[in-house]
PDB file of N, CA and C in Angstrom:
ATOM      1  N   MET A   1       0.846  -1.170   0.000  1.00  0.00           N
ATOM      2  CA  MET A   1       0.000   0.000   0.000  1.00  0.00           C
ATOM      3  C   MET A   1       0.892   1.234   0.000  1.00  0.00           C
ATOM      4  N   ASN A   2       0.435   2.243  -0.697  1.00  0.00           N
ATOM      5  CA  ASN A   2       1.114   3.526  -0.724  1.00  0.00           C
ATOM      6  C   ASN A   2       0.160   4.595  -0.223  1.00  0.00           C
ATOM      7  N   ILE A   3       0.713   5.661   0.330  1.00  0.00           N
ATOM      8  CA  ILE A   3      -0.072   6.812   0.770  1.00  0.00           C
ATOM      9  C   ILE A   3       0.606   8.053   0.202  1.00  0.00           C
ATOM     10  N   SER A   4      -0.127   8.805  -0.609  1.00  0.00           N
ATOM     11  CA  SER A   4       0.447  10.011  -1.208  1.00  0.00           C
ATOM     12  C   SER A   4       0.676  11.074  -0.130  1.00  0.00           C
ATOM     13  N   ASP A   5       1.518  12.041  -0.450  1.00  0.00           N
ATOM     14  CA  ASP A   5       1.797  13.115   0.507  1.00  0.00           C
ATOM     15  C   ASP A   5       0.540  13.929   0.813  1.00  0.00           C
ATOM     16  N   ASP A   6      -0.304  14.183  -0.186  1.00  0.00           N
ATOM     17  CA  ASP A   6      -1.544  14.930   0.043  1.00  0.00           C
ATOM     18  C   ASP A   6      -2.490  14.153   0.959  1.00  0.00           C
ATOM     19  N   ALA A   7      -2.594  12.843   0.734  1.00  0.00           N
ATOM     20  CA  ALA A   7      -3.431  12.004   1.595  1.00  0.00           C
ATOM     21  C   ALA A   7      -2.862  11.963   3.010  1.00  0.00           C
ATOM     22  N   LYS A   8      -1.547  11.925   3.124  1.00  0.00           N
ATOM     23  CA  LYS A   8      -0.903  11.907   4.438  1.00  0.00           C
ATOM     24  C   LYS A   8      -1.305  13.133   5.244  1.00  0.00           C
ATOM     25  N   GLU A   9      -1.325  14.299   4.613  1.00  0.00           N
ATOM     26  CA  GLU A   9      -1.697  15.525   5.320  1.00  0.00           C
ATOM     27  C   GLU A   9      -3.134  15.459   5.842  1.00  0.00           C
ATOM     28  N   ILE A  10      -4.046  14.952   5.032  1.00  0.00           N
ATOM     29  CA  ILE A  10      -5.443  14.800   5.455  1.00  0.00           C
ATOM     30  C   ILE A  10      -5.532  13.812   6.616  1.00  0.00           C
ATOM     31  N   LEU A  11      -4.823  12.697   6.493  1.00  0.00           N
ATOM     32  CA  LEU A  11      -4.844  11.682   7.547  1.00  0.00           C
ATOM     33  C   LEU A  11      -4.248  12.212   8.845  1.00  0.00           C
ATOM     34  N   LEU A  12      -3.130  12.923   8.765  1.00  0.00           N
ATOM     35  CA  LEU A  12      -2.520  13.478   9.975  1.00  0.00           C
ATOM     36  C   LEU A  12      -3.468  14.439  10.680  1.00  0.00           C
ATOM     37  N   LYS A  13      -4.152  15.275   9.919  1.00  0.00           N
ATOM     38  CA  LYS A  13      -5.119  16.211  10.501  1.00  0.00           C
ATOM     39  C   LYS A  13      -6.253  15.455  11.196  1.00  0.00           C
ATOM     40  N   SER A  14      -6.796  14.453  10.530  1.00  0.00           N
ATOM     41  CA  SER A  14      -7.888  13.658  11.112  1.00  0.00           C
ATOM     42  C   SER A  14      -7.426  12.885  12.340  1.00  0.00           C
ATOM     43  N   MET A  15      -6.201  12.358  12.287  1.00  0.00           N
ATOM     44  CA  MET A  15      -5.670  11.620  13.431  1.00  0.00           C
ATOM     45  C   MET A  15      -5.522  12.550  14.637  1.00  0.00           C
ATOM     46  N   LYS A  16      -5.048  13.758  14.409  1.00  0.00           N
ATOM     47  CA  LYS A  16      -4.889  14.718  15.501  1.00  0.00           C
ATOM     48  C   LYS A  16      -6.245  15.100  16.073  1.00  0.00           C
ATOM     49  N   GLU A  17      -7.213  15.391  15.208  1.00  0.00           N
ATOM     50  CA  GLU A  17      -8.552  15.778  15.649  1.00  0.00           C
ATOM     51  C   GLU A  17      -9.247  14.673  16.436  1.00  0.00           C
ATOM     52  N   ASN A  18      -8.926  13.419  16.146  1.00  0.00           N
ATOM     53  CA  ASN A  18      -9.584  12.274  16.792  1.00  0.00           C
ATOM     54  C   ASN A  18      -8.707  11.584  17.828  1.00  0.00           C
ATOM     55  N   ASP A  19      -7.592  12.214  18.191  1.00  0.00           N
ATOM     56  CA  ASP A  19      -6.669  11.676  19.187  1.00  0.00           C
ATOM     57  C   ASP A  19      -6.272  10.229  18.868  1.00  0.00           C
ATOM     58  N   CYS A  20      -5.880  10.014  17.616  1.00  0.00           N
ATOM     59  CA  CYS A  20      -5.461   8.691  17.145  1.00  0.00           C
ATOM     60  C   CYS A  20      -3.996   8.757  16.719  1.00  0.00           C
ATOM     61  N   ASN A  21      -3.346   7.584  16.726  1.00  0.00           N
ATOM     62  CA  ASN A  21      -1.942   7.563  16.324  1.00  0.00           C
ATOM     63  C   ASN A  21      -1.626   6.470  15.303  1.00  0.00           C
ATOM     64  N   CYS A  22      -2.667   5.842  14.760  1.00  0.00           N
ATOM     65  CA  CYS A  22      -2.425   4.838  13.725  1.00  0.00           C
ATOM     66  C   CYS A  22      -3.660   4.674  12.851  1.00  0.00           C
ATOM     67  N   ILE A  23      -3.450   3.978  11.755  1.00  0.00           N
ATOM     68  CA  ILE A  23      -4.541   3.570  10.880  1.00  0.00           C
ATOM     69  C   ILE A  23      -4.590   2.047  10.941  1.00  0.00           C
ATOM     70  N   ARG A  24      -5.750   1.521  11.270  1.00  0.00           N
ATOM     71  CA  ARG A  24      -5.918   0.072  11.362  1.00  0.00           C
ATOM     72  C   ARG A  24      -6.629  -0.405  10.098  1.00  0.00           C
ATOM     73  N   VAL A  25      -6.017  -1.373   9.426  1.00  0.00           N
ATOM     74  CA  VAL A  25      -6.558  -1.918   8.186  1.00  0.00           C
ATOM     75  C   VAL A  25      -6.964  -3.360   8.442  1.00  0.00           C
ATOM     76  N   THR A  26      -8.194  -3.688   8.094  1.00  0.00           N
ATOM     77  CA  THR A  26      -8.672  -5.059   8.271  1.00  0.00           C
ATOM     78  C   THR A  26      -9.224  -5.577   6.946  1.00  0.00           C
ATOM     79  N   PHE A  27      -9.078  -6.859   6.757  1.00  0.00           N
ATOM     80  CA  PHE A  27      -9.586  -7.548   5.579  1.00  0.00           C
ATOM     81  C   PHE A  27     -10.629  -8.540   6.043  1.00  0.00           C
ATOM     82  N   GLU A  28     -11.819  -8.452   5.455  1.00  0.00           N
ATOM     83  CA  GLU A  28     -12.921  -9.347   5.812  1.00  0.00           C
ATOM     84  C   GLU A  28     -13.411 -10.076   4.570  1.00  0.00           C
ATOM     85  N   PRO A  29     -13.198 -11.395   4.513  1.00  0.00           N
ATOM     86  CA  PRO A  29     -13.819 -12.150   3.418  1.00  0.00           C
ATOM     87  C   PRO A  29     -15.322 -12.202   3.678  1.00  0.00           C
ATOM     88  N   SER A  30     -16.116 -12.119   2.621  1.00  0.00           N
ATOM     89  CA  SER A  30     -17.563 -12.140   2.823  1.00  0.00           C
ATOM     90  C   SER A  30     -18.237 -12.971   1.747  1.00  0.00           C
ATOM     91  N   GLY A  31     -19.539 -12.851   1.645  1.00  0.00           N
ATOM     92  CA  GLY A  31     -20.354 -13.665   0.756  1.00  0.00           C
ATOM     93  C   GLY A  31     -20.188 -13.336  -0.711  1.00  0.00           C
ATOM     94  N   CYS A  32     -21.288 -13.294  -1.428  1.00  0.00           N
ATOM     95  CA  CYS A  32     -21.257 -13.174  -2.887  1.00  0.00           C
ATOM     96  C   CYS A  32     -20.641 -11.868  -3.367  1.00  0.00           C
ATOM     97  N   CYS A  33     -20.599 -10.865  -2.532  1.00  0.00           N
ATOM     98  CA  CYS A  33     -20.070  -9.565  -2.968  1.00  0.00           C
ATOM     99  C   CYS A  33     -18.561  -9.480  -2.844  1.00  0.00           C
ATOM    100  N   GLY A  34     -17.938 -10.535  -2.423  1.00  0.00           N
ATOM    101  CA  GLY A  34     -16.483 -10.548  -2.341  1.00  0.00           C
ATOM    102  C   GLY A  34     -15.966 -10.016  -1.025  1.00  0.00           C
ATOM    103  N   SER A  35     -14.695  -9.692  -1.009  1.00  0.00           N
ATOM    104  CA  SER A  35     -14.028  -9.279   0.215  1.00  0.00           C
ATOM    105  C   SER A  35     -14.207  -7.789   0.469  1.00  0.00           C
ATOM    106  N   SER A  36     -13.881  -7.398   1.696  1.00  0.00           N
ATOM    107  CA  SER A  36     -14.016  -6.015   2.107  1.00  0.00           C
ATOM    108  C   SER A  36     -12.754  -5.594   2.847  1.00  0.00           C
ATOM    109  N   ILE A  37     -12.228  -4.430   2.507  1.00  0.00           N
ATOM    110  CA  ILE A  37     -11.080  -3.870   3.206  1.00  0.00           C
ATOM    111  C   ILE A  37     -11.562  -2.629   3.939  1.00  0.00           C
ATOM    112  N   SER A  38     -11.273  -2.556   5.228  1.00  0.00           N
ATOM    113  CA  SER A  38     -11.699  -1.425   6.040  1.00  0.00           C
ATOM    114  C   SER A  38     -10.489  -0.668   6.557  1.00  0.00           C
ATOM    115  N   PHE A  39     -10.612   0.647   6.597  1.00  0.00           N
ATOM    116  CA  PHE A  39      -9.587   1.525   7.130  1.00  0.00           C
ATOM    117  C   PHE A  39     -10.215   2.307   8.283  1.00  0.00           C
ATOM    118  N   ALA A  40      -9.535   2.358   9.427  1.00  0.00           N
ATOM    119  CA  ALA A  40     -10.065   3.091  10.577  1.00  0.00           C
ATOM    120  C   ALA A  40      -8.940   3.803  11.314  1.00  0.00           C
ATOM    121  N   LEU A  41      -9.225   5.011  11.774  1.00  0.00           N
ATOM    122  CA  LEU A  41      -8.300   5.701  12.654  1.00  0.00           C
ATOM    123  C   LEU A  41      -8.397   5.036  14.011  1.00  0.00           C
ATOM    124  N   ASP A  42      -7.269   4.837  14.677  1.00  0.00           N
ATOM    125  CA  ASP A  42      -7.278   4.090  15.934  1.00  0.00           C
ATOM    126  C   ASP A  42      -6.074   4.487  16.768  1.00  0.00           C
ATOM    127  N   LYS A  43      -5.987   3.897  17.948  1.00  0.00           N
ATOM    128  CA  LYS A  43      -4.826   4.067  18.812  1.00  0.00           C
ATOM    129  C   LYS A  43      -4.069   2.753  18.869  1.00  0.00           C
ATOM    130  N   LEU A  44      -2.755   2.849  18.876  1.00  0.00           N
ATOM    131  CA  LEU A  44      -1.931   1.653  19.032  1.00  0.00           C
ATOM    132  C   LEU A  44      -2.178   1.043  20.399  1.00  0.00           C
ATOM    133  N   VAL A  45      -2.245  -0.273  20.437  1.00  0.00           N
ATOM    134  CA  VAL A  45      -2.372  -0.994  21.696  1.00  0.00           C
ATOM    135  C   VAL A  45      -1.174  -1.920  21.841  1.00  0.00           C
ATOM    136  N   ASN A  46      -0.907  -2.305  23.068  1.00  0.00           N
ATOM    137  CA  ASN A  46       0.217  -3.187  23.361  1.00  0.00           C
ATOM    138  C   ASN A  46       0.112  -4.450  22.508  1.00  0.00           C
ATOM    139  N   GLY A  47       1.169  -4.776  21.818  1.00  0.00           N
ATOM    140  CA  GLY A  47       1.200  -5.967  20.981  1.00  0.00           C
ATOM    141  C   GLY A  47       0.952  -5.697  19.504  1.00  0.00           C
ATOM    142  N   ASP A  48       0.474  -4.484  19.163  1.00  0.00           N
ATOM    143  CA  ASP A  48       0.286  -4.154  17.748  1.00  0.00           C
ATOM    144  C   ASP A  48       1.621  -4.171  17.026  1.00  0.00           C
ATOM    145  N   GLN A  49       1.628  -4.777  15.877  1.00  0.00           N
ATOM    146  CA  GLN A  49       2.809  -4.739  15.023  1.00  0.00           C
ATOM    147  C   GLN A  49       2.500  -3.778  13.891  1.00  0.00           C
ATOM    148  N   GLN A  50       3.206  -2.669  13.890  1.00  0.00           N
ATOM    149  CA  GLN A  50       2.936  -1.637  12.912  1.00  0.00           C
ATOM    150  C   GLN A  50       3.981  -1.618  11.807  1.00  0.00           C
ATOM    151  N   VAL A  51       3.551  -1.111  10.680  1.00  0.00           N
ATOM    152  CA  VAL A  51       4.464  -0.807   9.593  1.00  0.00           C
ATOM    153  C   VAL A  51       4.339   0.692   9.351  1.00  0.00           C
ATOM    154  N   LYS A  52       5.383   1.294   8.835  1.00  0.00           N
ATOM    155  CA  LYS A  52       5.346   2.710   8.506  1.00  0.00           C
ATOM    156  C   LYS A  52       5.176   2.854   6.996  1.00  0.00           C
ATOM    157  N   ILE A  53       4.180   3.597   6.610  1.00  0.00           N
ATOM    158  CA  ILE A  53       3.964   3.921   5.212  1.00  0.00           C
ATOM    159  C   ILE A  53       3.884   5.436   5.132  1.00  0.00           C
ATOM    160  N   ASN A  54       4.818   6.040   4.434  1.00  0.00           N
ATOM    161  CA  ASN A  54       4.934   7.493   4.341  1.00  0.00           C
ATOM    162  C   ASN A  54       4.925   8.106   5.749  1.00  0.00           C
ATOM    163  N   ASP A  55       5.651   7.480   6.653  1.00  0.00           N
ATOM    164  CA  ASP A  55       5.810   7.906   8.052  1.00  0.00           C
ATOM    165  C   ASP A  55       4.538   7.826   8.883  1.00  0.00           C
ATOM    166  N   LEU A  56       3.506   7.150   8.407  1.00  0.00           N
ATOM    167  CA  LEU A  56       2.290   6.929   9.195  1.00  0.00           C
ATOM    168  C   LEU A  56       2.309   5.513   9.746  1.00  0.00           C
ATOM    169  N   ALA A  57       1.860   5.360  10.988  1.00  0.00           N
ATOM    170  CA  ALA A  57       1.780   4.035  11.603  1.00  0.00           C
ATOM    171  C   ALA A  57       0.543   3.318  11.071  1.00  0.00           C
ATOM    172  N   ILE A  58       0.768   2.149  10.470  1.00  0.00           N
ATOM    173  CA  ILE A  58      -0.310   1.334   9.916  1.00  0.00           C
ATOM    174  C   ILE A  58      -0.267  -0.020  10.610  1.00  0.00           C
ATOM    175  N   VAL A  59      -1.422  -0.465  11.095  1.00  0.00           N
ATOM    176  CA  VAL A  59      -1.527  -1.774  11.739  1.00  0.00           C
ATOM    177  C   VAL A  59      -2.406  -2.651  10.857  1.00  0.00           C
ATOM    178  N   MET A  60      -1.830  -3.769  10.393  1.00  0.00           N
ATOM    179  CA  MET A  60      -2.597  -4.719   9.588  1.00  0.00           C
ATOM    180  C   MET A  60      -1.915  -6.076   9.629  1.00  0.00           C
ATOM    181  N   ASP A  61      -2.732  -7.117   9.533  1.00  0.00           N
ATOM    182  CA  ASP A  61      -2.159  -8.457   9.521  1.00  0.00           C
ATOM    183  C   ASP A  61      -1.657  -8.787   8.116  1.00  0.00           C
ATOM    184  N   GLU A  62      -1.061  -9.957   7.987  1.00  0.00           N
ATOM    185  CA  GLU A  62      -0.459 -10.356   6.715  1.00  0.00           C
ATOM    186  C   GLU A  62      -1.485 -10.430   5.592  1.00  0.00           C
ATOM    187  N   GLN A  63      -2.684 -10.916   5.902  1.00  0.00           N
ATOM    188  CA  GLN A  63      -3.720 -11.023   4.875  1.00  0.00           C
ATOM    189  C   GLN A  63      -4.119  -9.630   4.373  1.00  0.00           C
ATOM    190  N   ALA A  64      -4.250  -8.666   5.271  1.00  0.00           N
ATOM    191  CA  ALA A  64      -4.568  -7.300   4.858  1.00  0.00           C
ATOM    192  C   ALA A  64      -3.419  -6.710   4.045  1.00  0.00           C
ATOM    193  N   GLN A  65      -2.185  -7.007   4.429  1.00  0.00           N
ATOM    194  CA  GLN A  65      -1.039  -6.513   3.662  1.00  0.00           C
ATOM    195  C   GLN A  65      -1.081  -7.043   2.236  1.00  0.00           C
ATOM    196  N   ASN A  66      -1.384  -8.324   2.092  1.00  0.00           N
ATOM    197  CA  ASN A  66      -1.457  -8.919   0.756  1.00  0.00           C
ATOM    198  C   ASN A  66      -2.570  -8.286  -0.079  1.00  0.00           C
ATOM    199  N   GLN A  67      -3.712  -8.020   0.545  1.00  0.00           N
ATOM    200  CA  GLN A  67      -4.861  -7.482  -0.182  1.00  0.00           C
ATOM    201  C   GLN A  67      -4.706  -6.004  -0.526  1.00  0.00           C
ATOM    202  N   THR A  68      -3.854  -5.286   0.202  1.00  0.00           N
ATOM    203  CA  THR A  68      -3.689  -3.853  -0.048  1.00  0.00           C
ATOM    204  C   THR A  68      -2.400  -3.523  -0.796  1.00  0.00           C
ATOM    205  N   ALA A  69      -1.646  -4.527  -1.185  1.00  0.00           N
ATOM    206  CA  ALA A  69      -0.332  -4.302  -1.809  1.00  0.00           C
ATOM    207  C   ALA A  69      -0.406  -3.386  -3.029  1.00  0.00           C
ATOM    208  N   SER A  70      -1.465  -3.466  -3.806  1.00  0.00           N
ATOM    209  CA  SER A  70      -1.561  -2.667  -5.037  1.00  0.00           C
ATOM    210  C   SER A  70      -2.369  -1.387  -4.857  1.00  0.00           C
ATOM    211  N   LEU A  71      -2.759  -1.063  -3.633  1.00  0.00           N
ATOM    212  CA  LEU A  71      -3.583   0.117  -3.394  1.00  0.00           C
ATOM    213  C   LEU A  71      -2.753   1.353  -3.080  1.00  0.00           C
ATOM    214  N   THR A  72      -3.290   2.501  -3.452  1.00  0.00           N
ATOM    215  CA  THR A  72      -2.709   3.788  -3.095  1.00  0.00           C
ATOM    216  C   THR A  72      -3.821   4.668  -2.548  1.00  0.00           C
ATOM    217  N   ILE A  73      -3.576   5.249  -1.381  1.00  0.00           N
ATOM    218  CA  ILE A  73      -4.514   6.224  -0.829  1.00  0.00           C
ATOM    219  C   ILE A  73      -4.061   7.593  -1.325  1.00  0.00           C
ATOM    220  N   ASN A  74      -4.938   8.254  -2.066  1.00  0.00           N
ATOM    221  CA  ASN A  74      -4.672   9.560  -2.646  1.00  0.00           C
ATOM    222  C   ASN A  74      -5.672  10.572  -2.102  1.00  0.00           C
ATOM    223  N   ALA A  75      -5.464  11.824  -2.451  1.00  0.00           N
ATOM    224  CA  ALA A  75      -6.411  12.885  -2.125  1.00  0.00           C
ATOM    225  C   ALA A  75      -6.896  13.510  -3.421  1.00  0.00           C
ATOM    226  N   GLU A  76      -8.209  13.686  -3.509  1.00  0.00           N
ATOM    227  CA  GLU A  76      -8.821  14.374  -4.649  1.00  0.00           C
ATOM    228  C   GLU A  76      -9.830  15.363  -4.096  1.00  0.00           C
ATOM    229  N   ASN A  77      -9.652  16.624  -4.435  1.00  0.00           N
ATOM    230  CA  ASN A  77     -10.559  17.672  -3.972  1.00  0.00           C
ATOM    231  C   ASN A  77     -10.716  17.669  -2.454  1.00  0.00           C
ATOM    232  N   GLY A  78      -9.620  17.416  -1.748  1.00  0.00           N
ATOM    233  CA  GLY A  78      -9.636  17.442  -0.291  1.00  0.00           C
ATOM    234  C   GLY A  78     -10.219  16.210   0.375  1.00  0.00           C
ATOM    235  N   GLU A  79     -10.505  15.168  -0.395  1.00  0.00           N
ATOM    236  CA  GLU A  79     -11.066  13.935   0.152  1.00  0.00           C
ATOM    237  C   GLU A  79     -10.158  12.760  -0.177  1.00  0.00           C
ATOM    238  N   LEU A  80     -10.173  11.768   0.691  1.00  0.00           N
ATOM    239  CA  LEU A  80      -9.370  10.570   0.475  1.00  0.00           C
ATOM    240  C   LEU A  80     -10.047   9.635  -0.516  1.00  0.00           C
ATOM    241  N   VAL A  81      -9.256   9.060  -1.405  1.00  0.00           N
ATOM    242  CA  VAL A  81      -9.737   8.047  -2.339  1.00  0.00           C
ATOM    243  C   VAL A  81      -8.725   6.907  -2.369  1.00  0.00           C
ATOM    244  N   VAL A  82      -9.215   5.717  -2.593  1.00  0.00           N
ATOM    245  CA  VAL A  82      -8.353   4.548  -2.688  1.00  0.00           C
ATOM    246  C   VAL A  82      -8.312   4.127  -4.145  1.00  0.00           C
ATOM    247  N   ASP A  83      -7.107   4.108  -4.712  1.00  0.00           N
ATOM    248  CA  ASP A  83      -6.913   3.740  -6.108  1.00  0.00           C
ATOM    249  C   ASP A  83      -6.213   2.396  -6.206  1.00  0.00           C
ATOM    250  N   GLY A  84      -6.513   1.677  -7.296  1.00  0.00           N
ATOM    251  CA  GLY A  84      -5.822   0.420  -7.570  1.00  0.00           C
ATOM    252  C   GLY A  84      -6.571  -0.769  -7.022  1.00  0.00           C
ATOM    253  N   GLY A  85      -6.017  -1.920  -7.319  1.00  0.00           N
ATOM    254  CA  GLY A  85      -6.633  -3.159  -6.841  1.00  0.00           C
ATOM    255  C   GLY A  85      -7.816  -3.549  -7.690  1.00  0.00           C
ATOM    256  N   ASP A  86      -8.246  -4.766  -7.507  1.00  0.00           N
ATOM    257  CA  ASP A  86      -9.404  -5.283  -8.232  1.00  0.00           C
ATOM    258  C   ASP A  86     -10.294  -5.996  -7.242  1.00  0.00           C
ATOM    259  N   HIS A  87     -11.119  -5.218  -6.574  1.00  0.00           N
ATOM    260  CA  HIS A  87     -12.010  -5.795  -5.574  1.00  0.00           C
ATOM    261  C   HIS A  87     -13.456  -5.649  -6.042  1.00  0.00           C
ATOM    262  N   GLY A  88     -13.661  -5.899  -7.315  1.00  0.00           N
ATOM    263  CA  GLY A  88     -14.982  -5.745  -7.886  1.00  0.00           C
ATOM    264  C   GLY A  88     -15.912  -6.864  -7.452  1.00  0.00           C
ATOM    265  N   CYS A  89     -17.116  -6.726  -7.851  1.00  0.00           N
ATOM    266  CA  CYS A  89     -18.166  -7.667  -7.473  1.00  0.00           C
ATOM    267  C   CYS A  89     -18.190  -8.842  -8.453  1.00  0.00           C
ATOM    268  N   GLY A  90     -18.378 -10.018  -7.933  1.00  0.00           N
ATOM    269  CA  GLY A  90     -18.495 -11.197  -8.793  1.00  0.00           C
ATOM    270  C   GLY A  90     -19.876 -11.777  -8.757  1.00  0.00           C
ATOM    271  N   CYS A  91     -20.859 -10.972  -8.369  1.00  0.00           N
ATOM    272  CA  CYS A  91     -22.189 -11.531  -8.132  1.00  0.00           C
ATOM    273  C   CYS A  91     -23.202 -11.130  -9.189  1.00  0.00           C
ATOM    274  N   GLY A  92     -22.760 -10.521 -10.263  1.00  0.00           N
ATOM    275  CA  GLY A  92     -23.684 -10.217 -11.358  1.00  0.00           C
ATOM    276  C   GLY A  92     -24.766  -9.250 -10.973  1.00  0.00           C
ATOM    277  N   SER A  93     -26.030  -9.626 -11.161  1.00  0.00           N
ATOM    278  CA  SER A  93     -27.156  -8.707 -10.990  1.00  0.00           C
ATOM    279  C   SER A  93     -27.799  -8.800  -9.614  1.00  0.00           C
ATOM    280  N   SER A  94     -27.115  -9.296  -8.616  1.00  0.00           N
ATOM    281  CA  SER A  94     -27.742  -9.458  -7.311  1.00  0.00           C
ATOM    282  C   SER A  94     -28.006  -8.139  -6.611  1.00  0.00           C
ATOM    283  N   GLY A  95     -27.413  -7.045  -7.103  1.00  0.00           N
ATOM    284  CA  GLY A  95     -27.684  -5.745  -6.503  1.00  0.00           C
ATOM    285  C   GLY A  95     -26.852  -5.437  -5.270  1.00  0.00           C
ATOM    286  N   CYS A  96     -25.922  -6.278  -4.926  1.00  0.00           N
ATOM    287  CA  CYS A  96     -25.148  -6.038  -3.707  1.00  0.00           C
ATOM    288  C   CYS A  96     -23.986  -5.110  -3.941  1.00  0.00           C
ATOM    289  N   CYS A  97     -23.722  -4.703  -5.160  1.00  0.00           N
ATOM    290  CA  CYS A  97     -22.567  -3.867  -5.451  1.00  0.00           C
ATOM    291  C   CYS A  97     -22.978  -2.446  -5.768  1.00  0.00           C
TER     292      CYS A  97
END
């Protein structure tokens, strides 16, 4: 995973406003709509193994690291966007996407 400098600034501001010191990334396999990757501002807890991405503390397990390897968090018009990866829907017309 990569984090652009513009996205880093937005994240640092949000982390300060919410008294957080890391971003926690989780990967959840699910039903017909495929997997889900979640990003949350959080506080480090004892035992967390963090990685630094663009000097930000990121906490994620190996499965989340594998699923986010091709992603980049960017900023567009002052908002965060996640680019890259192929986490599209494989469920056709079920309406879950």
